[in-house]
Amino acid sequence: MEPKTPAAVVFPDTGAQVQAAVLCATKHGAPPVPRSGGCSFENLGTADGALVIDLSNMAAVRVDPKAMTVTAQAGIRMGNLYYEIFRAGRAAGGRNLTCLGGTYPQARRARRPGSKLFADSQALQRACKPLA
């Protein structure tokens, strides 16, 4: 994988700051590239000449054990998310709040070019990139 050099990296704290960063990047012709969980098997969290919008400061988590729902900001890391779910379950009297997710068990197969999982992984990341 070849190294990529962004034009700049910003660390917004609010949605308004993300919006301002996207507008600034667009105005100056730099592609805005979101980086959230810090992990990209395809190195999609940066690009040459881009404005990388690192969302790591936006990592709040709210767990509602009664409703069995979690609301998390885009910068949350998977381990921190799982820990907060575990902690909320313990605080709710030891409820088992099980959480399944991520693609890490599939990562080795997903990195093999030519495999269907590799193609699916790349297609999913490209499709989700504009949503971040």
N, C-alpha and C. Protein backbone atom coordinates (compact mmCIF):
# COMPACT_ATOMS: atom_id res chain seq x y z
N MET A 1 0.85 -1.16 0.00
CA MET A 1 0.00 0.00 0.00
C MET A 1 0.91 1.24 0.00
N GLU A 2 0.68 2.13 -0.93
CA GLU A 2 1.49 3.33 -1.03
C GLU A 2 1.02 4.37 -0.02
N PRO A 3 1.98 5.11 0.58
CA PRO A 3 1.58 6.16 1.52
C PRO A 3 0.84 7.29 0.80
N LYS A 4 -0.07 7.90 1.53
CA LYS A 4 -0.84 9.02 0.99
C LYS A 4 -0.59 10.23 1.87
N THR A 5 -0.56 11.41 1.27
CA THR A 5 -0.28 12.63 2.01
C THR A 5 -1.44 13.61 1.87
N PRO A 6 -2.23 13.76 2.95
CA PRO A 6 -3.33 14.73 2.89
C PRO A 6 -2.80 16.16 2.94
N ALA A 7 -3.60 17.10 2.49
CA ALA A 7 -3.22 18.52 2.58
C ALA A 7 -3.27 18.98 4.03
N ALA A 8 -4.25 18.47 4.79
CA ALA A 8 -4.41 18.84 6.20
C ALA A 8 -5.31 17.82 6.88
N VAL A 9 -5.25 17.83 8.21
CA VAL A 9 -6.11 16.98 9.02
C VAL A 9 -6.77 17.87 10.07
N VAL A 10 -8.08 17.78 10.21
CA VAL A 10 -8.80 18.54 11.24
C VAL A 10 -9.47 17.56 12.20
N PHE A 11 -9.66 18.01 13.44
CA PHE A 11 -10.26 17.20 14.49
C PHE A 11 -11.47 17.92 15.07
N PRO A 12 -12.61 17.89 14.39
CA PRO A 12 -13.79 18.61 14.87
C PRO A 12 -14.37 17.99 16.15
N ASP A 13 -15.04 18.85 16.93
CA ASP A 13 -15.71 18.41 18.16
C ASP A 13 -17.22 18.38 18.01
N THR A 14 -17.74 19.01 16.97
CA THR A 14 -19.19 19.13 16.80
C THR A 14 -19.59 18.89 15.34
N GLY A 15 -20.87 18.63 15.15
CA GLY A 15 -21.39 18.48 13.80
C GLY A 15 -21.22 19.76 12.98
N ALA A 16 -21.37 20.90 13.63
CA ALA A 16 -21.19 22.18 12.93
C ALA A 16 -19.75 22.34 12.42
N GLN A 17 -18.80 21.87 13.21
CA GLN A 17 -17.39 21.94 12.78
C GLN A 17 -17.12 20.98 11.62
N VAL A 18 -17.78 19.82 11.62
CA VAL A 18 -17.65 18.89 10.49
C VAL A 18 -18.19 19.55 9.24
N GLN A 19 -19.36 20.16 9.37
CA GLN A 19 -19.98 20.84 8.23
C GLN A 19 -19.07 21.94 7.70
N ALA A 20 -18.49 22.73 8.59
CA ALA A 20 -17.59 23.81 8.17
C ALA A 20 -16.36 23.25 7.47
N ALA A 21 -15.84 22.14 7.95
CA ALA A 21 -14.66 21.52 7.33
C ALA A 21 -14.98 21.03 5.92
N VAL A 22 -16.15 20.41 5.75
CA VAL A 22 -16.56 19.92 4.43
C VAL A 22 -16.73 21.10 3.47
N LEU A 23 -17.36 22.16 3.93
CA LEU A 23 -17.55 23.34 3.08
C LEU A 23 -16.22 23.98 2.70
N CYS A 24 -15.30 24.05 3.66
CA CYS A 24 -13.97 24.61 3.40
C CYS A 24 -13.22 23.77 2.38
N ALA A 25 -13.23 22.45 2.57
CA ALA A 25 -12.53 21.57 1.63
C ALA A 25 -13.09 21.72 0.23
N THR A 26 -14.41 21.73 0.12
CA THR A 26 -15.07 21.86 -1.17
C THR A 26 -14.71 23.19 -1.83
N LYS A 27 -14.74 24.24 -1.05
CA LYS A 27 -14.42 25.58 -1.57
C LYS A 27 -13.01 25.65 -2.14
N HIS A 28 -12.08 24.93 -1.52
CA HIS A 28 -10.68 25.00 -1.93
C HIS A 28 -10.24 23.82 -2.80
N GLY A 29 -11.20 23.00 -3.23
CA GLY A 29 -10.90 21.93 -4.18
C GLY A 29 -10.20 20.72 -3.58
N ALA A 30 -10.22 20.59 -2.27
CA ALA A 30 -9.62 19.41 -1.62
C ALA A 30 -10.74 18.44 -1.29
N PRO A 31 -10.60 17.19 -1.67
CA PRO A 31 -11.67 16.26 -1.32
C PRO A 31 -11.75 16.05 0.19
N PRO A 32 -12.94 16.18 0.78
CA PRO A 32 -13.07 15.89 2.21
C PRO A 32 -13.12 14.37 2.42
N VAL A 33 -12.26 13.88 3.30
CA VAL A 33 -12.19 12.44 3.57
C VAL A 33 -12.47 12.21 5.05
N PRO A 34 -13.60 11.56 5.38
CA PRO A 34 -13.88 11.29 6.80
C PRO A 34 -13.04 10.12 7.30
N ARG A 35 -12.60 10.24 8.54
CA ARG A 35 -11.91 9.14 9.21
C ARG A 35 -12.56 8.98 10.56
N SER A 36 -13.12 7.80 10.81
CA SER A 36 -13.86 7.64 12.06
C SER A 36 -13.16 6.68 13.00
N GLY A 37 -13.37 5.40 12.87
CA GLY A 37 -12.85 4.44 13.84
C GLY A 37 -11.35 4.25 13.81
N GLY A 38 -10.66 4.83 12.86
CA GLY A 38 -9.21 4.72 12.81
C GLY A 38 -8.72 3.46 12.14
N CYS A 39 -9.61 2.64 11.63
CA CYS A 39 -9.21 1.38 11.02
C CYS A 39 -9.79 1.30 9.62
N SER A 40 -8.93 1.16 8.65
CA SER A 40 -9.40 0.96 7.28
C SER A 40 -8.46 -0.02 6.62
N PHE A 41 -8.96 -1.21 6.36
CA PHE A 41 -8.13 -2.22 5.72
C PHE A 41 -7.72 -1.78 4.32
N GLU A 42 -8.47 -0.87 3.73
CA GLU A 42 -8.20 -0.42 2.37
C GLU A 42 -7.52 0.95 2.34
N ASN A 43 -7.13 1.49 3.50
CA ASN A 43 -6.47 2.80 3.60
C ASN A 43 -7.34 3.92 3.03
N LEU A 44 -8.64 3.87 3.34
CA LEU A 44 -9.57 4.87 2.83
C LEU A 44 -9.68 6.09 3.73
N GLY A 45 -8.98 6.10 4.87
CA GLY A 45 -9.07 7.21 5.80
C GLY A 45 -8.17 8.38 5.46
N THR A 46 -7.59 8.37 4.28
CA THR A 46 -6.75 9.48 3.84
C THR A 46 -6.68 9.46 2.31
N ALA A 47 -6.16 10.54 1.76
CA ALA A 47 -5.96 10.63 0.31
C ALA A 47 -4.99 11.77 0.03
N ASP A 48 -4.28 11.66 -1.04
CA ASP A 48 -3.35 12.73 -1.43
C ASP A 48 -4.12 14.02 -1.66
N GLY A 49 -3.66 15.10 -1.04
CA GLY A 49 -4.26 16.42 -1.23
C GLY A 49 -5.61 16.62 -0.58
N ALA A 50 -6.05 15.69 0.21
CA ALA A 50 -7.39 15.75 0.82
C ALA A 50 -7.37 16.50 2.14
N LEU A 51 -8.55 16.92 2.57
CA LEU A 51 -8.73 17.39 3.94
C LEU A 51 -9.32 16.22 4.70
N VAL A 52 -8.51 15.61 5.56
CA VAL A 52 -8.97 14.49 6.37
C VAL A 52 -9.73 15.06 7.57
N ILE A 53 -10.95 14.59 7.74
CA ILE A 53 -11.78 15.03 8.86
C ILE A 53 -11.81 13.88 9.86
N ASP A 54 -10.93 13.97 10.85
CA ASP A 54 -10.77 12.91 11.85
C ASP A 54 -11.82 13.10 12.93
N LEU A 55 -12.72 12.15 13.08
CA LEU A 55 -13.85 12.27 13.98
C LEU A 55 -13.58 11.69 15.37
N SER A 56 -12.32 11.43 15.71
CA SER A 56 -12.00 10.77 16.98
C SER A 56 -12.42 11.58 18.21
N ASN A 57 -12.59 12.88 18.09
CA ASN A 57 -13.07 13.69 19.23
C ASN A 57 -14.58 13.55 19.43
N MET A 58 -15.24 12.95 18.48
CA MET A 58 -16.70 12.79 18.55
C MET A 58 -16.98 11.32 18.83
N ALA A 59 -16.83 10.91 20.08
CA ALA A 59 -16.90 9.49 20.44
C ALA A 59 -17.83 9.21 21.61
N ALA A 60 -18.82 10.06 21.79
CA ALA A 60 -19.77 9.85 22.89
C ALA A 60 -20.65 8.64 22.62
N VAL A 61 -21.03 7.95 23.69
CA VAL A 61 -21.89 6.77 23.60
C VAL A 61 -23.00 6.91 24.63
N ARG A 62 -24.23 6.60 24.23
CA ARG A 62 -25.35 6.56 25.17
C ARG A 62 -26.02 5.20 25.03
N VAL A 63 -26.06 4.46 26.13
CA VAL A 63 -26.66 3.13 26.15
C VAL A 63 -27.94 3.19 26.97
N ASP A 64 -29.03 2.67 26.43
CA ASP A 64 -30.29 2.58 27.14
C ASP A 64 -30.59 1.10 27.33
N PRO A 65 -30.24 0.53 28.51
CA PRO A 65 -30.44 -0.91 28.72
C PRO A 65 -31.91 -1.34 28.65
N LYS A 66 -32.83 -0.47 29.07
CA LYS A 66 -34.25 -0.85 29.02
C LYS A 66 -34.73 -1.00 27.59
N ALA A 67 -34.37 -0.04 26.75
CA ALA A 67 -34.79 -0.09 25.35
C ALA A 67 -33.87 -0.96 24.51
N MET A 68 -32.72 -1.39 25.10
CA MET A 68 -31.73 -2.18 24.39
C MET A 68 -31.25 -1.46 23.13
N THR A 69 -30.96 -0.15 23.29
CA THR A 69 -30.45 0.65 22.17
C THR A 69 -29.15 1.33 22.57
N VAL A 70 -28.37 1.65 21.56
CA VAL A 70 -27.11 2.37 21.74
C VAL A 70 -27.08 3.48 20.70
N THR A 71 -26.69 4.66 21.13
CA THR A 71 -26.46 5.77 20.22
C THR A 71 -25.00 6.16 20.37
N ALA A 72 -24.27 6.15 19.27
CA ALA A 72 -22.84 6.45 19.32
C ALA A 72 -22.48 7.44 18.23
N GLN A 73 -21.55 8.32 18.55
CA GLN A 73 -21.05 9.26 17.55
C GLN A 73 -20.08 8.54 16.61
N ALA A 74 -19.82 9.16 15.49
CA ALA A 74 -19.05 8.52 14.41
C ALA A 74 -17.59 8.24 14.76
N GLY A 75 -17.02 8.90 15.74
CA GLY A 75 -15.62 8.70 16.06
C GLY A 75 -15.33 7.60 17.06
N ILE A 76 -16.34 6.89 17.51
CA ILE A 76 -16.15 5.86 18.54
C ILE A 76 -15.30 4.72 17.98
N ARG A 77 -14.46 4.20 18.83
CA ARG A 77 -13.67 3.01 18.48
C ARG A 77 -14.43 1.79 18.96
N MET A 78 -14.31 0.70 18.23
CA MET A 78 -15.09 -0.50 18.52
C MET A 78 -14.88 -0.99 19.94
N GLY A 79 -13.65 -1.04 20.43
CA GLY A 79 -13.39 -1.51 21.79
C GLY A 79 -14.07 -0.64 22.83
N ASN A 80 -14.03 0.67 22.64
CA ASN A 80 -14.69 1.60 23.57
C ASN A 80 -16.20 1.43 23.53
N LEU A 81 -16.73 1.19 22.36
CA LEU A 81 -18.17 0.97 22.23
C LEU A 81 -18.59 -0.28 22.99
N TYR A 82 -17.86 -1.37 22.78
CA TYR A 82 -18.19 -2.62 23.47
C TYR A 82 -18.05 -2.47 24.98
N TYR A 83 -17.03 -1.73 25.42
CA TYR A 83 -16.83 -1.53 26.86
C TYR A 83 -18.02 -0.77 27.46
N GLU A 84 -18.48 0.28 26.79
CA GLU A 84 -19.60 1.06 27.31
C GLU A 84 -20.88 0.23 27.37
N ILE A 85 -21.07 -0.64 26.39
CA ILE A 85 -22.24 -1.53 26.42
C ILE A 85 -22.13 -2.48 27.59
N PHE A 86 -20.94 -3.05 27.81
CA PHE A 86 -20.71 -3.95 28.94
C PHE A 86 -20.96 -3.22 30.26
N ARG A 87 -20.41 -2.01 30.38
CA ARG A 87 -20.53 -1.23 31.62
C ARG A 87 -22.00 -0.89 31.91
N ALA A 88 -22.74 -0.55 30.89
CA ALA A 88 -24.16 -0.22 31.07
C ALA A 88 -24.94 -1.46 31.51
N GLY A 89 -24.58 -2.61 31.00
CA GLY A 89 -25.24 -3.85 31.41
C GLY A 89 -24.96 -4.17 32.87
N ARG A 90 -23.73 -3.94 33.30
CA ARG A 90 -23.38 -4.17 34.71
C ARG A 90 -24.15 -3.21 35.61
N ALA A 91 -24.25 -1.95 35.20
CA ALA A 91 -24.95 -0.94 35.99
C ALA A 91 -26.45 -1.22 36.05
N ALA A 92 -26.96 -1.95 35.08
CA ALA A 92 -28.39 -2.27 35.04
C ALA A 92 -28.67 -3.59 35.74
N GLY A 93 -27.82 -3.95 36.68
CA GLY A 93 -28.07 -5.17 37.44
C GLY A 93 -27.50 -6.42 36.81
N GLY A 94 -26.46 -6.26 36.02
CA GLY A 94 -25.80 -7.42 35.44
C GLY A 94 -26.47 -7.97 34.21
N ARG A 95 -27.32 -7.17 33.57
CA ARG A 95 -27.97 -7.64 32.33
C ARG A 95 -26.94 -7.98 31.29
N ASN A 96 -27.20 -9.02 30.55
CA ASN A 96 -26.30 -9.44 29.49
C ASN A 96 -26.64 -8.67 28.22
N LEU A 97 -25.94 -7.59 27.99
CA LEU A 97 -26.15 -6.81 26.77
C LEU A 97 -25.13 -7.28 25.74
N THR A 98 -25.51 -8.28 24.99
CA THR A 98 -24.60 -8.87 24.02
C THR A 98 -24.52 -7.99 22.79
N CYS A 99 -23.33 -7.87 22.25
CA CYS A 99 -23.12 -7.03 21.07
C CYS A 99 -22.32 -7.82 20.04
N LEU A 100 -22.88 -8.00 18.89
CA LEU A 100 -22.18 -8.63 17.79
C LEU A 100 -21.91 -7.56 16.75
N GLY A 101 -20.74 -7.58 16.14
CA GLY A 101 -20.50 -6.60 15.10
C GLY A 101 -19.08 -6.63 14.61
N GLY A 102 -18.82 -5.78 13.64
CA GLY A 102 -17.48 -5.66 13.08
C GLY A 102 -17.21 -6.73 12.05
N THR A 103 -16.13 -6.54 11.33
CA THR A 103 -15.74 -7.51 10.30
C THR A 103 -14.36 -8.08 10.59
N TYR A 104 -13.85 -7.87 11.80
CA TYR A 104 -12.48 -8.29 12.10
C TYR A 104 -12.22 -9.78 11.88
N PRO A 105 -13.14 -10.69 12.24
CA PRO A 105 -12.85 -12.11 11.97
C PRO A 105 -12.69 -12.39 10.48
N GLN A 106 -13.26 -11.56 9.64
CA GLN A 106 -13.19 -11.77 8.20
C GLN A 106 -12.05 -10.99 7.55
N ALA A 107 -11.30 -10.22 8.35
CA ALA A 107 -10.32 -9.29 7.78
C ALA A 107 -9.28 -9.99 6.92
N ARG A 108 -8.77 -11.13 7.38
CA ARG A 108 -7.73 -11.81 6.61
C ARG A 108 -8.25 -12.22 5.24
N ARG A 109 -9.44 -12.81 5.20
CA ARG A 109 -10.00 -13.20 3.91
C ARG A 109 -10.38 -11.98 3.08
N ALA A 110 -10.82 -10.90 3.74
CA ALA A 110 -11.25 -9.71 3.01
C ALA A 110 -10.08 -9.01 2.34
N ARG A 111 -8.87 -9.22 2.85
CA ARG A 111 -7.70 -8.56 2.25
C ARG A 111 -7.12 -9.33 1.08
N ARG A 112 -7.63 -10.52 0.80
CA ARG A 112 -7.10 -11.32 -0.31
C ARG A 112 -7.73 -10.86 -1.62
N PRO A 113 -6.96 -10.13 -2.45
CA PRO A 113 -7.52 -9.71 -3.74
C PRO A 113 -8.01 -10.92 -4.53
N GLY A 114 -9.11 -10.72 -5.20
CA GLY A 114 -9.69 -11.79 -5.99
C GLY A 114 -10.77 -12.56 -5.27
N SER A 115 -10.81 -12.45 -3.94
CA SER A 115 -11.86 -13.17 -3.21
C SER A 115 -13.15 -12.36 -3.27
N LYS A 116 -14.27 -13.07 -3.22
CA LYS A 116 -15.57 -12.39 -3.24
C LYS A 116 -15.70 -11.47 -2.03
N LEU A 117 -15.20 -11.92 -0.87
CA LEU A 117 -15.29 -11.10 0.34
C LEU A 117 -14.50 -9.81 0.17
N PHE A 118 -13.33 -9.88 -0.52
CA PHE A 118 -12.53 -8.68 -0.78
C PHE A 118 -13.34 -7.70 -1.62
N ALA A 119 -13.94 -8.20 -2.70
CA ALA A 119 -14.73 -7.33 -3.58
C ALA A 119 -15.93 -6.75 -2.83
N ASP A 120 -16.62 -7.57 -2.04
CA ASP A 120 -17.77 -7.08 -1.26
C ASP A 120 -17.34 -6.03 -0.25
N SER A 121 -16.19 -6.28 0.40
CA SER A 121 -15.67 -5.34 1.41
C SER A 121 -15.36 -3.99 0.77
N GLN A 122 -14.69 -4.02 -0.38
CA GLN A 122 -14.35 -2.77 -1.05
C GLN A 122 -15.60 -2.04 -1.52
N ALA A 123 -16.55 -2.77 -2.06
CA ALA A 123 -17.79 -2.15 -2.55
C ALA A 123 -18.56 -1.53 -1.39
N LEU A 124 -18.61 -2.22 -0.25
CA LEU A 124 -19.32 -1.68 0.91
C LEU A 124 -18.63 -0.43 1.43
N GLN A 125 -17.30 -0.44 1.52
CA GLN A 125 -16.59 0.73 2.01
C GLN A 125 -16.78 1.92 1.07
N ARG A 126 -16.74 1.69 -0.24
CA ARG A 126 -16.95 2.79 -1.17
C ARG A 126 -18.37 3.32 -1.07
N ALA A 127 -19.35 2.44 -0.88
CA ALA A 127 -20.74 2.87 -0.79
C ALA A 127 -20.99 3.65 0.48
N CYS A 128 -20.33 3.27 1.58
CA CYS A 128 -20.56 3.93 2.87
C CYS A 128 -19.74 5.19 3.05
N LYS A 129 -18.66 5.33 2.31
CA LYS A 129 -17.77 6.47 2.50
C LYS A 129 -18.49 7.81 2.43
N PRO A 130 -19.39 8.06 1.46
CA PRO A 130 -20.08 9.36 1.43
C PRO A 130 -21.03 9.57 2.61
N LEU A 131 -21.41 8.51 3.29
CA LEU A 131 -22.36 8.63 4.39
C LEU A 131 -21.70 9.06 5.69
N ALA A 132 -20.40 8.84 5.80
CA ALA A 132 -19.71 9.10 7.07
C ALA A 132 -19.64 10.57 7.39
